[in-house]
PDB file of N, CA and C in Angstrom:
ATOM      1  N   MET A   1      18.246 -27.578 -31.932  1.00  0.00           N
ATOM      2  CA  MET A   1      17.841 -27.625 -31.181  1.00  0.00           C
ATOM      3  C   MET A   1      16.492 -28.250 -30.337  1.00  0.00           C
ATOM      4  N   VAL A   2      15.853 -29.113 -31.233  1.00  0.00           N
ATOM      5  CA  VAL A   2      15.444 -30.015 -30.974  1.00  0.00           C
ATOM      6  C   VAL A   2      15.610 -30.243 -29.666  1.00  0.00           C
ATOM      7  N   GLY A   3      16.738 -31.902 -30.461  1.00  0.00           N
ATOM      8  CA  GLY A   3      17.317 -32.794 -29.845  1.00  0.00           C
ATOM      9  C   GLY A   3      17.754 -31.993 -28.740  1.00  0.00           C
ATOM     10  N   GLU A   4      17.571 -30.720 -28.091  1.00  0.00           N
ATOM     11  CA  GLU A   4      18.380 -30.276 -27.160  1.00  0.00           C
ATOM     12  C   GLU A   4      17.050 -30.342 -25.676  1.00  0.00           C
ATOM     13  N   ILE A   5      15.910 -30.053 -26.704  1.00  0.00           N
ATOM     14  CA  ILE A   5      14.128 -29.422 -25.570  1.00  0.00           C
ATOM     15  C   ILE A   5      13.913 -30.910 -25.729  1.00  0.00           C
ATOM     16  N   ILE A   6      14.161 -32.058 -26.114  1.00  0.00           N
ATOM     17  CA  ILE A   6      13.822 -33.234 -25.882  1.00  0.00           C
ATOM     18  C   ILE A   6      15.202 -34.239 -25.087  1.00  0.00           C
ATOM     19  N   ILE A   7      15.915 -33.878 -24.703  1.00  0.00           N
ATOM     20  CA  ILE A   7      16.719 -33.553 -23.493  1.00  0.00           C
ATOM     21  C   ILE A   7      16.611 -32.760 -22.245  1.00  0.00           C
ATOM     22  N   VAL A   8      15.577 -32.849 -22.289  1.00  0.00           N
ATOM     23  CA  VAL A   8      15.458 -31.919 -21.346  1.00  0.00           C
ATOM     24  C   VAL A   8      13.606 -32.541 -20.291  1.00  0.00           C
ATOM     25  N   VAL A   9      13.332 -32.558 -21.902  1.00  0.00           N
ATOM     26  CA  VAL A   9      11.601 -33.515 -21.802  1.00  0.00           C
ATOM     27  C   VAL A   9      12.522 -34.720 -20.802  1.00  0.00           C
ATOM     28  N   VAL A  10      13.316 -35.272 -21.282  1.00  0.00           N
ATOM     29  CA  VAL A  10      13.425 -36.824 -20.960  1.00  0.00           C
ATOM     30  C   VAL A  10      13.911 -36.626 -19.202  1.00  0.00           C
ATOM     31  N   ARG A  11      15.220 -35.500 -18.744  1.00  0.00           N
ATOM     32  CA  ARG A  11      15.218 -35.863 -17.544  1.00  0.00           C
ATOM     33  C   ARG A  11      14.951 -34.764 -16.727  1.00  0.00           C
ATOM     34  N   THR A  12      13.942 -34.437 -16.929  1.00  0.00           N
ATOM     35  CA  THR A  12      12.793 -33.295 -16.133  1.00  0.00           C
ATOM     36  C   THR A  12      12.078 -34.355 -16.166  1.00  0.00           C
ATOM     37  N   LEU A  13      11.335 -35.585 -16.813  1.00  0.00           N
ATOM     38  CA  LEU A  13      10.753 -36.786 -16.416  1.00  0.00           C
ATOM     39  C   LEU A  13      11.297 -37.890 -14.963  1.00  0.00           C
ATOM     40  N   PHE A  14      12.096 -37.895 -15.426  1.00  0.00           N
ATOM     41  CA  PHE A  14      12.812 -38.738 -14.322  1.00  0.00           C
ATOM     42  C   PHE A  14      13.342 -37.809 -13.149  1.00  0.00           C
ATOM     43  N   ARG A  15      13.873 -36.332 -13.772  1.00  0.00           N
ATOM     44  CA  ARG A  15      13.418 -35.789 -12.468  1.00  0.00           C
ATOM     45  C   ARG A  15      12.364 -36.271 -11.747  1.00  0.00           C
ATOM     46  N   LEU A  16      11.155 -35.930 -11.918  1.00  0.00           N
ATOM     47  CA  LEU A  16      10.090 -36.161 -11.476  1.00  0.00           C
ATOM     48  C   LEU A  16      10.051 -37.035 -11.159  1.00  0.00           C
ATOM     49  N   ILE A  17      10.090 -38.394 -11.806  1.00  0.00           N
ATOM     50  CA  ILE A  17       9.696 -39.338 -10.927  1.00  0.00           C
ATOM     51  C   ILE A  17      10.663 -40.687  -9.696  1.00  0.00           C
ATOM     52  N   ARG A  18      11.464 -39.327  -9.758  1.00  0.00           N
ATOM     53  CA  ARG A  18      12.789 -40.034  -8.829  1.00  0.00           C
ATOM     54  C   ARG A  18      12.229 -39.068  -7.411  1.00  0.00           C
ATOM     55  N   ASP A  19      12.136 -37.866  -7.189  1.00  0.00           N
ATOM     56  CA  ASP A  19      10.808 -36.608  -6.589  1.00  0.00           C
ATOM     57  C   ASP A  19       9.232 -38.090  -6.430  1.00  0.00           C
ATOM     58  N   TYR A  20       9.184 -38.615  -6.774  1.00  0.00           N
ATOM     59  CA  TYR A  20       8.385 -39.404  -6.822  1.00  0.00           C
ATOM     60  C   TYR A  20       8.442 -40.410  -5.838  1.00  0.00           C
ATOM     61  N   ASP A  21       9.388 -41.143  -6.041  1.00  0.00           N
ATOM     62  CA  ASP A  21       9.838 -42.452  -5.299  1.00  0.00           C
ATOM     63  C   ASP A  21      10.559 -42.359  -4.264  1.00  0.00           C
ATOM     64  N   THR A  22      11.420 -40.823  -4.615  1.00  0.00           N
ATOM     65  CA  THR A  22      12.182 -40.346  -2.678  1.00  0.00           C
ATOM     66  C   THR A  22      11.117 -39.924  -2.223  1.00  0.00           C
ATOM     67  N   ARG A  23       9.858 -39.552  -2.171  1.00  0.00           N
ATOM     68  CA  ARG A  23       8.461 -38.842  -0.854  1.00  0.00           C
ATOM     69  C   ARG A  23       8.687 -39.380   0.591  1.00  0.00           C
ATOM     70  N   ALA A  24       8.733 -40.629   0.314  1.00  0.00           N
ATOM     71  CA  ALA A  24       9.139 -41.181   1.833  1.00  0.00           C
ATOM     72  C   ALA A  24       9.859 -41.961   2.535  1.00  0.00           C
ATOM     73  N   TRP A  25      11.884 -41.012   2.446  1.00  0.00           N
ATOM     74  CA  TRP A  25      12.451 -41.068   2.606  1.00  0.00           C
ATOM     75  C   TRP A  25      12.935 -39.734   3.416  1.00  0.00           C
ATOM     76  N   PRO A  26      13.233 -39.616   4.681  1.00  0.00           N
ATOM     77  CA  PRO A  26      13.216 -39.279   5.253  1.00  0.00           C
ATOM     78  C   PRO A  26      14.028 -37.596   5.233  1.00  0.00           C
ATOM     79  N   THR A  27      14.169 -36.505   6.104  1.00  0.00           N
ATOM     80  CA  THR A  27      14.211 -35.203   5.400  1.00  0.00           C
ATOM     81  C   THR A  27      16.221 -35.093   6.593  1.00  0.00           C
ATOM     82  N   VAL A  28      17.485 -34.000   6.181  1.00  0.00           N
ATOM     83  CA  VAL A  28      17.807 -33.628   6.701  1.00  0.00           C
ATOM     84  C   VAL A  28      18.555 -32.266   6.513  1.00  0.00           C
ATOM     85  N   GLN A  29      18.869 -31.521   7.614  1.00  0.00           N
ATOM     86  CA  GLN A  29      18.814 -30.185   6.672  1.00  0.00           C
ATOM     87  C   GLN A  29      20.125 -30.290   6.559  1.00  0.00           C
ATOM     88  N   GLY A  30      20.806 -30.007   5.306  1.00  0.00           N
ATOM     89  CA  GLY A  30      22.076 -29.902   4.623  1.00  0.00           C
ATOM     90  C   GLY A  30      22.512 -28.004   3.774  1.00  0.00           C
ATOM     91  N   VAL A  31      23.514 -28.490   4.665  1.00  0.00           N
ATOM     92  CA  VAL A  31      23.409 -26.474   3.410  1.00  0.00           C
ATOM     93  C   VAL A  31      25.016 -26.465   1.774  1.00  0.00           C
ATOM     94  N   VAL A  32      24.577 -25.707   0.948  1.00  0.00           N
ATOM     95  CA  VAL A  32      24.834 -25.612  -0.045  1.00  0.00           C
ATOM     96  C   VAL A  32      25.964 -25.272   0.069  1.00  0.00           C
ATOM     97  N   GLU A  33      26.839 -26.266  -0.250  1.00  0.00           N
ATOM     98  CA  GLU A  33      28.648 -25.927  -1.206  1.00  0.00           C
ATOM     99  C   GLU A  33      28.306 -24.424  -2.206  1.00  0.00           C
ATOM    100  N   THR A  34      27.990 -25.152  -3.525  1.00  0.00           N
ATOM    101  CA  THR A  34      27.985 -23.849  -4.439  1.00  0.00           C
ATOM    102  C   THR A  34      26.657 -24.022  -5.903  1.00  0.00           C
ATOM    103  N   SER A  35      26.756 -23.529  -5.866  1.00  0.00           N
ATOM    104  CA  SER A  35      26.197 -23.389  -6.557  1.00  0.00           C
ATOM    105  C   SER A  35      26.219 -22.336  -8.617  1.00  0.00           C
ATOM    106  N   GLU A  36      26.275 -23.148  -9.287  1.00  0.00           N
ATOM    107  CA  GLU A  36      26.751 -22.851 -10.901  1.00  0.00           C
ATOM    108  C   GLU A  36      25.661 -23.205 -11.896  1.00  0.00           C
ATOM    109  N   VAL A  37      26.316 -22.557 -13.085  1.00  0.00           N
ATOM    110  CA  VAL A  37      25.401 -22.986 -14.915  1.00  0.00           C
ATOM    111  C   VAL A  37      26.410 -23.043 -15.433  1.00  0.00           C
ATOM    112  N   SER A  38      26.429 -24.324 -15.892  1.00  0.00           N
ATOM    113  CA  SER A  38      26.843 -25.313 -16.807  1.00  0.00           C
ATOM    114  C   SER A  38      26.205 -25.377 -18.030  1.00  0.00           C
ATOM    115  N   GLY A  39      26.480 -24.156 -19.692  1.00  0.00           N
ATOM    116  CA  GLY A  39      25.208 -24.221 -20.052  1.00  0.00           C
ATOM    117  C   GLY A  39      23.775 -23.635 -19.975  1.00  0.00           C
ATOM    118  N   SER A  40      23.681 -24.695 -19.878  1.00  0.00           N
ATOM    119  CA  SER A  40      21.612 -24.633 -19.570  1.00  0.00           C
ATOM    120  C   SER A  40      21.560 -25.777 -18.434  1.00  0.00           C
ATOM    121  N   THR A  41      22.608 -25.796 -17.643  1.00  0.00           N
ATOM    122  CA  THR A  41      22.290 -26.478 -16.791  1.00  0.00           C
ATOM    123  C   THR A  41      23.231 -25.755 -14.882  1.00  0.00           C
ATOM    124  N   ALA A  42      21.712 -26.349 -14.528  1.00  0.00           N
ATOM    125  CA  ALA A  42      22.315 -25.430 -12.976  1.00  0.00           C
ATOM    126  C   ALA A  42      23.076 -26.595 -12.094  1.00  0.00           C
ATOM    127  N   GLU A  43      23.648 -26.279 -11.622  1.00  0.00           N
ATOM    128  CA  GLU A  43      24.219 -27.712 -10.179  1.00  0.00           C
ATOM    129  C   GLU A  43      24.722 -27.118  -9.400  1.00  0.00           C
ATOM    130  N   VAL A  44      23.608 -27.860  -8.425  1.00  0.00           N
ATOM    131  CA  VAL A  44      23.939 -27.180  -6.539  1.00  0.00           C
ATOM    132  C   VAL A  44      25.024 -28.921  -5.780  1.00  0.00           C
ATOM    133  N   SER A  45      26.252 -27.819  -5.441  1.00  0.00           N
ATOM    134  CA  SER A  45      26.473 -29.373  -4.721  1.00  0.00           C
ATOM    135  C   SER A  45      26.393 -28.783  -4.007  1.00  0.00           C
ATOM    136  N   TYR A  46      26.813 -30.299  -2.394  1.00  0.00           N
ATOM    137  CA  TYR A  46      25.913 -29.718  -0.852  1.00  0.00           C
ATOM    138  C   TYR A  46      26.441 -31.026   0.076  1.00  0.00           C
ATOM    139  N   ALA A  47      26.459 -30.436   1.151  1.00  0.00           N
ATOM    140  CA  ALA A  47      26.423 -31.404   2.355  1.00  0.00           C
ATOM    141  C   ALA A  47      25.585 -31.828   3.330  1.00  0.00           C
ATOM    142  N   TYR A  48      25.911 -32.641   4.340  1.00  0.00           N
ATOM    143  CA  TYR A  48      24.869 -33.220   5.155  1.00  0.00           C
ATOM    144  C   TYR A  48      25.655 -33.775   6.133  1.00  0.00           C
ATOM    145  N   SER A  49      24.680 -34.361   7.019  1.00  0.00           N
ATOM    146  CA  SER A  49      25.681 -35.556   7.963  1.00  0.00           C
ATOM    147  C   SER A  49      24.284 -36.487   9.109  1.00  0.00           C
ATOM    148  N   ILE A  50      24.180 -38.064   8.221  1.00  0.00           N
ATOM    149  CA  ILE A  50      23.271 -38.448   9.143  1.00  0.00           C
ATOM    150  C   ILE A  50      24.533 -38.864  10.846  1.00  0.00           C
ATOM    151  N   ASN A  51      23.942 -39.151  11.532  1.00  0.00           N
ATOM    152  CA  ASN A  51      24.663 -39.746  12.946  1.00  0.00           C
ATOM    153  C   ASN A  51      26.430 -39.434  12.604  1.00  0.00           C
ATOM    154  N   GLU A  52      26.300 -38.107  12.098  1.00  0.00           N
ATOM    155  CA  GLU A  52      27.440 -37.312  12.886  1.00  0.00           C
ATOM    156  C   GLU A  52      28.527 -37.745  10.925  1.00  0.00           C
ATOM    157  N   GLU A  53      28.254 -38.792  11.028  1.00  0.00           N
ATOM    158  CA  GLU A  53      28.798 -38.857   9.234  1.00  0.00           C
ATOM    159  C   GLU A  53      28.879 -38.095   8.511  1.00  0.00           C
ATOM    160  N   SER A  54      29.397 -37.322   7.592  1.00  0.00           N
ATOM    161  CA  SER A  54      29.219 -36.474   6.708  1.00  0.00           C
ATOM    162  C   SER A  54      29.167 -37.161   4.885  1.00  0.00           C
ATOM    163  N   HIS A  55      28.512 -36.470   4.385  1.00  0.00           N
ATOM    164  CA  HIS A  55      27.727 -36.676   2.971  1.00  0.00           C
ATOM    165  C   HIS A  55      27.511 -35.015   2.004  1.00  0.00           C
ATOM    166  N   TRP A  56      28.183 -35.715   1.509  1.00  0.00           N
ATOM    167  CA  TRP A  56      27.663 -34.914  -0.342  1.00  0.00           C
ATOM    168  C   TRP A  56      27.441 -34.721  -1.272  1.00  0.00           C
ATOM    169  N   GLY A  57      26.836 -34.264  -1.855  1.00  0.00           N
ATOM    170  CA  GLY A  57      25.881 -35.126  -3.639  1.00  0.00           C
ATOM    171  C   GLY A  57      25.196 -33.102  -4.549  1.00  0.00           C
ATOM    172  N   VAL A  58      24.853 -33.753  -4.974  1.00  0.00           N
ATOM    173  CA  VAL A  58      24.970 -32.498  -6.535  1.00  0.00           C
ATOM    174  C   VAL A  58      23.711 -33.667  -7.082  1.00  0.00           C
ATOM    175  N   HIS A  59      23.105 -31.730  -6.742  1.00  0.00           N
ATOM    176  CA  HIS A  59      22.094 -31.391  -7.439  1.00  0.00           C
ATOM    177  C   HIS A  59      21.873 -30.901  -9.180  1.00  0.00           C
ATOM    178  N   ARG A  60      20.855 -31.377  -9.837  1.00  0.00           N
ATOM    179  CA  ARG A  60      21.712 -31.240 -11.612  1.00  0.00           C
ATOM    180  C   ARG A  60      19.727 -30.728 -12.154  1.00  0.00           C
ATOM    181  N   ARG A  61      19.680 -29.970 -12.801  1.00  0.00           N
ATOM    182  CA  ARG A  61      18.256 -29.398 -13.416  1.00  0.00           C
ATOM    183  C   ARG A  61      18.503 -28.379 -13.907  1.00  0.00           C
ATOM    184  N   ASP A  62      18.173 -29.578 -15.256  1.00  0.00           N
ATOM    185  CA  ASP A  62      17.924 -29.010 -17.198  1.00  0.00           C
ATOM    186  C   ASP A  62      17.907 -28.055 -17.703  1.00  0.00           C
ATOM    187  N   PHE A  63      17.217 -27.171 -18.551  1.00  0.00           N
ATOM    188  CA  PHE A  63      17.000 -25.831 -18.366  1.00  0.00           C
ATOM    189  C   PHE A  63      16.948 -25.737 -20.574  1.00  0.00           C
ATOM    190  N   CYS A  64      16.307 -25.048 -21.342  1.00  0.00           N
ATOM    191  CA  CYS A  64      16.354 -25.186 -22.506  1.00  0.00           C
ATOM    192  C   CYS A  64      17.350 -23.547 -22.312  1.00  0.00           C
ATOM    193  N   PHE A  65      17.349 -22.429 -21.801  1.00  0.00           N
ATOM    194  CA  PHE A  65      18.127 -21.921 -22.515  1.00  0.00           C
ATOM    195  C   PHE A  65      19.216 -21.657 -20.243  1.00  0.00           C
ATOM    196  N   HIS A  66      20.454 -21.052 -20.517  1.00  0.00           N
ATOM    197  CA  HIS A  66      20.953 -20.680 -20.154  1.00  0.00           C
ATOM    198  C   HIS A  66      20.548 -19.815 -19.042  1.00  0.00           C
ATOM    199  N   ASP A  67      19.496 -18.809 -18.814  1.00  0.00           N
ATOM    200  CA  ASP A  67      18.968 -17.397 -17.896  1.00  0.00           C
ATOM    201  C   ASP A  67      17.998 -17.942 -17.034  1.00  0.00           C
ATOM    202  N   SER A  68      17.722 -19.102 -17.422  1.00  0.00           N
ATOM    203  CA  SER A  68      16.889 -20.016 -17.090  1.00  0.00           C
ATOM    204  C   SER A  68      16.833 -20.129 -15.737  1.00  0.00           C
ATOM    205  N   ALA A  69      18.362 -21.353 -16.393  1.00  0.00           N
ATOM    206  CA  ALA A  69      19.528 -22.021 -14.513  1.00  0.00           C
ATOM    207  C   ALA A  69      20.073 -21.380 -14.436  1.00  0.00           C
ATOM    208  N   ALA A  70      20.626 -20.239 -15.059  1.00  0.00           N
ATOM    209  CA  ALA A  70      21.315 -19.470 -13.691  1.00  0.00           C
ATOM    210  C   ALA A  70      20.532 -17.898 -12.906  1.00  0.00           C
ATOM    211  N   GLU A  71      18.999 -18.534 -12.734  1.00  0.00           N
ATOM    212  CA  GLU A  71      17.996 -18.223 -12.168  1.00  0.00           C
ATOM    213  C   GLU A  71      17.370 -18.995 -11.339  1.00  0.00           C
ATOM    214  N   TYR A  72      17.304 -20.121 -11.985  1.00  0.00           N
ATOM    215  CA  TYR A  72      17.398 -21.577 -10.908  1.00  0.00           C
ATOM    216  C   TYR A  72      18.179 -20.641  -9.958  1.00  0.00           C
ATOM    217  N   ALA A  73      19.798 -21.833 -10.510  1.00  0.00           N
ATOM    218  CA  ALA A  73      20.651 -21.375  -9.684  1.00  0.00           C
ATOM    219  C   ALA A  73      21.177 -20.857  -8.510  1.00  0.00           C
ATOM    220  N   LYS A  74      20.699 -19.058  -9.108  1.00  0.00           N
ATOM    221  CA  LYS A  74      20.660 -17.435  -7.966  1.00  0.00           C
ATOM    222  C   LYS A  74      20.122 -18.433  -6.193  1.00  0.00           C
ATOM    223  N   ARG A  75      19.048 -19.828  -6.908  1.00  0.00           N
ATOM    224  CA  ARG A  75      17.803 -19.358  -5.856  1.00  0.00           C
ATOM    225  C   ARG A  75      19.218 -20.210  -4.281  1.00  0.00           C
ATOM    226  N   PHE A  76      20.324 -21.097  -4.788  1.00  0.00           N
ATOM    227  CA  PHE A  76      20.612 -22.121  -3.675  1.00  0.00           C
ATOM    228  C   PHE A  76      22.032 -21.444  -3.480  1.00  0.00           C
ATOM    229  N   VAL A  77      21.722 -20.269  -2.600  1.00  0.00           N
ATOM    230  CA  VAL A  77      23.030 -19.458  -1.987  1.00  0.00           C
ATOM    231  C   VAL A  77      23.676 -20.448  -1.115  1.00  0.00           C
ATOM    232  N   PRO A  78      25.593 -20.376  -1.356  1.00  0.00           N
ATOM    233  CA  PRO A  78      26.720 -20.723  -0.325  1.00  0.00           C
ATOM    234  C   PRO A  78      25.792 -21.223   1.479  1.00  0.00           C
ATOM    235  N   LYS A  79      26.277 -21.749   1.737  1.00  0.00           N
ATOM    236  CA  LYS A  79      25.991 -21.335   2.946  1.00  0.00           C
ATOM    237  C   LYS A  79      24.325 -21.352   3.882  1.00  0.00           C
ATOM    238  N   TRP A  80      24.291 -21.308   3.012  1.00  0.00           N
ATOM    239  CA  TRP A  80      22.158 -21.112   2.750  1.00  0.00           C
ATOM    240  C   TRP A  80      21.613 -22.945   3.681  1.00  0.00           C
ATOM    241  N   SER A  81      21.069 -22.909   4.100  1.00  0.00           N
ATOM    242  CA  SER A  81      21.035 -24.769   4.158  1.00  0.00           C
ATOM    243  C   SER A  81      19.213 -25.008   3.265  1.00  0.00           C
ATOM    244  N   LEU A  82      19.312 -26.037   2.944  1.00  0.00           N
ATOM    245  CA  LEU A  82      18.548 -26.950   2.202  1.00  0.00           C
ATOM    246  C   LEU A  82      17.945 -28.646   2.236  1.00  0.00           C
ATOM    247  N   MET A  83      16.915 -28.569   2.402  1.00  0.00           N
ATOM    248  CA  MET A  83      16.433 -29.942   2.710  1.00  0.00           C
ATOM    249  C   MET A  83      16.307 -30.801   2.147  1.00  0.00           C
ATOM    250  N   ILE A  84      17.031 -31.568   1.824  1.00  0.00           N
ATOM    251  CA  ILE A  84      17.888 -32.976   1.449  1.00  0.00           C
ATOM    252  C   ILE A  84      17.048 -34.192   2.387  1.00  0.00           C
ATOM    253  N   ARG A  85      16.707 -35.701   1.232  1.00  0.00           N
ATOM    254  CA  ARG A  85      15.777 -36.443   1.591  1.00  0.00           C
ATOM    255  C   ARG A  85      17.156 -37.456   1.537  1.00  0.00           C
ATOM    256  N   TYR A  86      16.632 -38.744   1.957  1.00  0.00           N
ATOM    257  CA  TYR A  86      18.862 -39.198   1.664  1.00  0.00           C
ATOM    258  C   TYR A  86      17.573 -41.320   2.020  1.00  0.00           C
ATOM    259  N   CYS A  87      18.579 -42.498   2.105  1.00  0.00           N
ATOM    260  CA  CYS A  87      17.677 -42.928   1.435  1.00  0.00           C
ATOM    261  C   CYS A  87      18.403 -43.507   3.210  1.00  0.00           C
ATOM    262  N   GLU A  88      17.606 -43.948   4.555  1.00  0.00           N
ATOM    263  CA  GLU A  88      17.529 -44.147   5.235  1.00  0.00           C
ATOM    264  C   GLU A  88      19.093 -46.171   5.150  1.00  0.00           C
ATOM    265  N   LYS A  89      18.778 -46.437   4.660  1.00  0.00           N
ATOM    266  CA  LYS A  89      19.582 -47.822   4.175  1.00  0.00           C
ATOM    267  C   LYS A  89      20.478 -47.732   3.163  1.00  0.00           C
ATOM    268  N   ASP A  90      21.080 -46.589   3.223  1.00  0.00           N
ATOM    269  CA  ASP A  90      22.548 -46.662   2.343  1.00  0.00           C
ATOM    270  C   ASP A  90      21.683 -44.427   2.103  1.00  0.00           C
ATOM    271  N   PRO A  91      22.319 -43.681   3.166  1.00  0.00           N
ATOM    272  CA  PRO A  91      22.711 -42.393   3.132  1.00  0.00           C
ATOM    273  C   PRO A  91      23.229 -41.648   2.185  1.00  0.00           C
ATOM    274  N   HIS A  92      24.517 -41.998   0.875  1.00  0.00           N
ATOM    275  CA  HIS A  92      25.192 -41.965   1.149  1.00  0.00           C
ATOM    276  C   HIS A  92      24.100 -41.526  -0.918  1.00  0.00           C
ATOM    277  N   LYS A  93      23.027 -41.503  -1.177  1.00  0.00           N
ATOM    278  CA  LYS A  93      21.948 -41.477  -2.349  1.00  0.00           C
ATOM    279  C   LYS A  93      21.237 -40.333  -0.991  1.00  0.00           C
ATOM    280  N   SER A  94      20.967 -39.912  -1.916  1.00  0.00           N
ATOM    281  CA  SER A  94      20.669 -38.294  -1.273  1.00  0.00           C
ATOM    282  C   SER A  94      19.966 -37.684  -2.427  1.00  0.00           C
ATOM    283  N   PHE A  95      18.608 -37.261  -2.595  1.00  0.00           N
ATOM    284  CA  PHE A  95      17.347 -36.973  -3.203  1.00  0.00           C
ATOM    285  C   PHE A  95      16.758 -34.906  -2.697  1.00  0.00           C
ATOM    286  N   VAL A  96      17.972 -33.888  -3.356  1.00  0.00           N
ATOM    287  CA  VAL A  96      16.579 -32.546  -3.774  1.00  0.00           C
ATOM    288  C   VAL A  96      15.488 -31.843  -4.124  1.00  0.00           C
ATOM    289  N   SER A  97      14.921 -31.777  -3.516  1.00  0.00           N
ATOM    290  CA  SER A  97      12.986 -32.014  -4.409  1.00  0.00           C
ATOM    291  C   SER A  97      12.650 -29.900  -3.930  1.00  0.00           C
ATOM    292  N   GLU A  98      12.439 -30.650  -4.684  1.00  0.00           N
ATOM    293  CA  GLU A  98      12.530 -28.632  -5.080  1.00  0.00           C
ATOM    294  C   GLU A  98      11.055 -27.929  -3.852  1.00  0.00           C
ATOM    295  N   SER A  99       9.906 -29.121  -4.119  1.00  0.00           N
ATOM    296  CA  SER A  99       8.474 -28.555  -3.075  1.00  0.00           C
ATOM    297  C   SER A  99       9.482 -29.403  -1.276  1.00  0.00           C
ATOM    298  N   ASP A 100      10.690 -29.818  -0.952  1.00  0.00           N
ATOM    299  CA  ASP A 100      10.382 -29.264   0.718  1.00  0.00           C
ATOM    300  C   ASP A 100      11.549 -28.131   0.276  1.00  0.00           C
ATOM    301  N   GLN A 101      11.435 -27.493  -0.250  1.00  0.00           N
ATOM    302  CA  GLN A 101      13.125 -26.265   0.192  1.00  0.00           C
ATOM    303  C   GLN A 101      11.893 -24.626   0.416  1.00  0.00           C
ATOM    304  N   VAL A 102      12.673 -23.966   0.981  1.00  0.00           N
ATOM    305  CA  VAL A 102      12.260 -22.697   1.204  1.00  0.00           C
ATOM    306  C   VAL A 102      13.352 -21.663   0.651  1.00  0.00           C
ATOM    307  N   ASN A 103      12.596 -20.707  -0.164  1.00  0.00           N
ATOM    308  CA  ASN A 103      13.578 -19.788  -0.871  1.00  0.00           C
ATOM    309  C   ASN A 103      13.933 -18.965  -0.188  1.00  0.00           C
ATOM    310  N   PRO A 104      15.661 -18.763   0.364  1.00  0.00           N
ATOM    311  CA  PRO A 104      16.989 -18.434   1.217  1.00  0.00           C
ATOM    312  C   PRO A 104      15.638 -16.091   0.529  1.00  0.00           C
ATOM    313  N   PRO A 105      15.459 -15.740   1.227  1.00  0.00           N
ATOM    314  CA  PRO A 105      15.275 -13.990   1.557  1.00  0.00           C
ATOM    315  C   PRO A 105      15.529 -13.641   0.560  1.00  0.00           C
ATOM    316  N   ALA A 106      15.329 -11.949  -0.017  1.00  0.00           N
ATOM    317  CA  ALA A 106      15.940 -11.672  -1.410  1.00  0.00           C
ATOM    318  C   ALA A 106      16.298 -10.998  -1.506  1.00  0.00           C
ATOM    319  N   TRP A 107      17.716 -10.491  -0.661  1.00  0.00           N
ATOM    320  CA  TRP A 107      17.842 -10.141  -0.299  1.00  0.00           C
ATOM    321  C   TRP A 107      19.649 -11.199   0.060  1.00  0.00           C
ATOM    322  N   ALA A 108      20.180 -12.119   0.394  1.00  0.00           N
ATOM    323  CA  ALA A 108      20.532 -13.034   0.204  1.00  0.00           C
ATOM    324  C   ALA A 108      21.019 -13.645  -0.684  1.00  0.00           C
ATOM    325  N   MET A 109      19.893 -13.528  -2.240  1.00  0.00           N
ATOM    326  CA  MET A 109      20.530 -14.312  -3.147  1.00  0.00           C
ATOM    327  C   MET A 109      21.203 -13.095  -3.775  1.00  0.00           C
ATOM    328  N   ARG A 110      20.940 -11.378  -4.426  1.00  0.00           N
ATOM    329  CA  ARG A 110      21.609 -10.811  -4.507  1.00  0.00           C
ATOM    330  C   ARG A 110      22.840 -10.583  -4.324  1.00  0.00           C
ATOM    331  N   TYR A 111      23.059 -10.791  -2.709  1.00  0.00           N
ATOM    332  CA  TYR A 111      24.374 -10.657  -2.095  1.00  0.00           C
ATOM    333  C   TYR A 111      25.125 -12.711  -2.139  1.00  0.00           C
ATOM    334  N   ARG A 112      25.133 -12.947  -2.844  1.00  0.00           N
ATOM    335  CA  ARG A 112      25.767 -14.073  -3.089  1.00  0.00           C
ATOM    336  C   ARG A 112      27.011 -13.925  -3.329  1.00  0.00           C
ATOM    337  N   ASP A 113      27.531 -14.578  -2.508  1.00  0.00           N
ATOM    338  CA  ASP A 113      29.783 -14.969  -2.877  1.00  0.00           C
ATOM    339  C   ASP A 113      29.990 -15.318  -4.463  1.00  0.00           C
TER     340      ASP A 113
END
């Protein structure tokens, strides 16, 4: 359990650093493709377009507990929009920052697929 907590802390630190490093990247509206949980990791796949070119990415966030990951994943409703940060020089590089998101209303999370 201690080893798992250390992994979560390290991955969270890297995610926070990446969030800081990408703060100047432009944003584009994307769409949630899937939202699922694997163990105590929430995984959200998404799609977005830059200059009519399609791109995809995966947003992962680690938690100490499965229930926390499941609650987080529930916030990303398939077919709902989300903001994506992308690298202008290489639009395939993207990042999902929690601070850029607007949560869907409670009814949307309740009636997800």
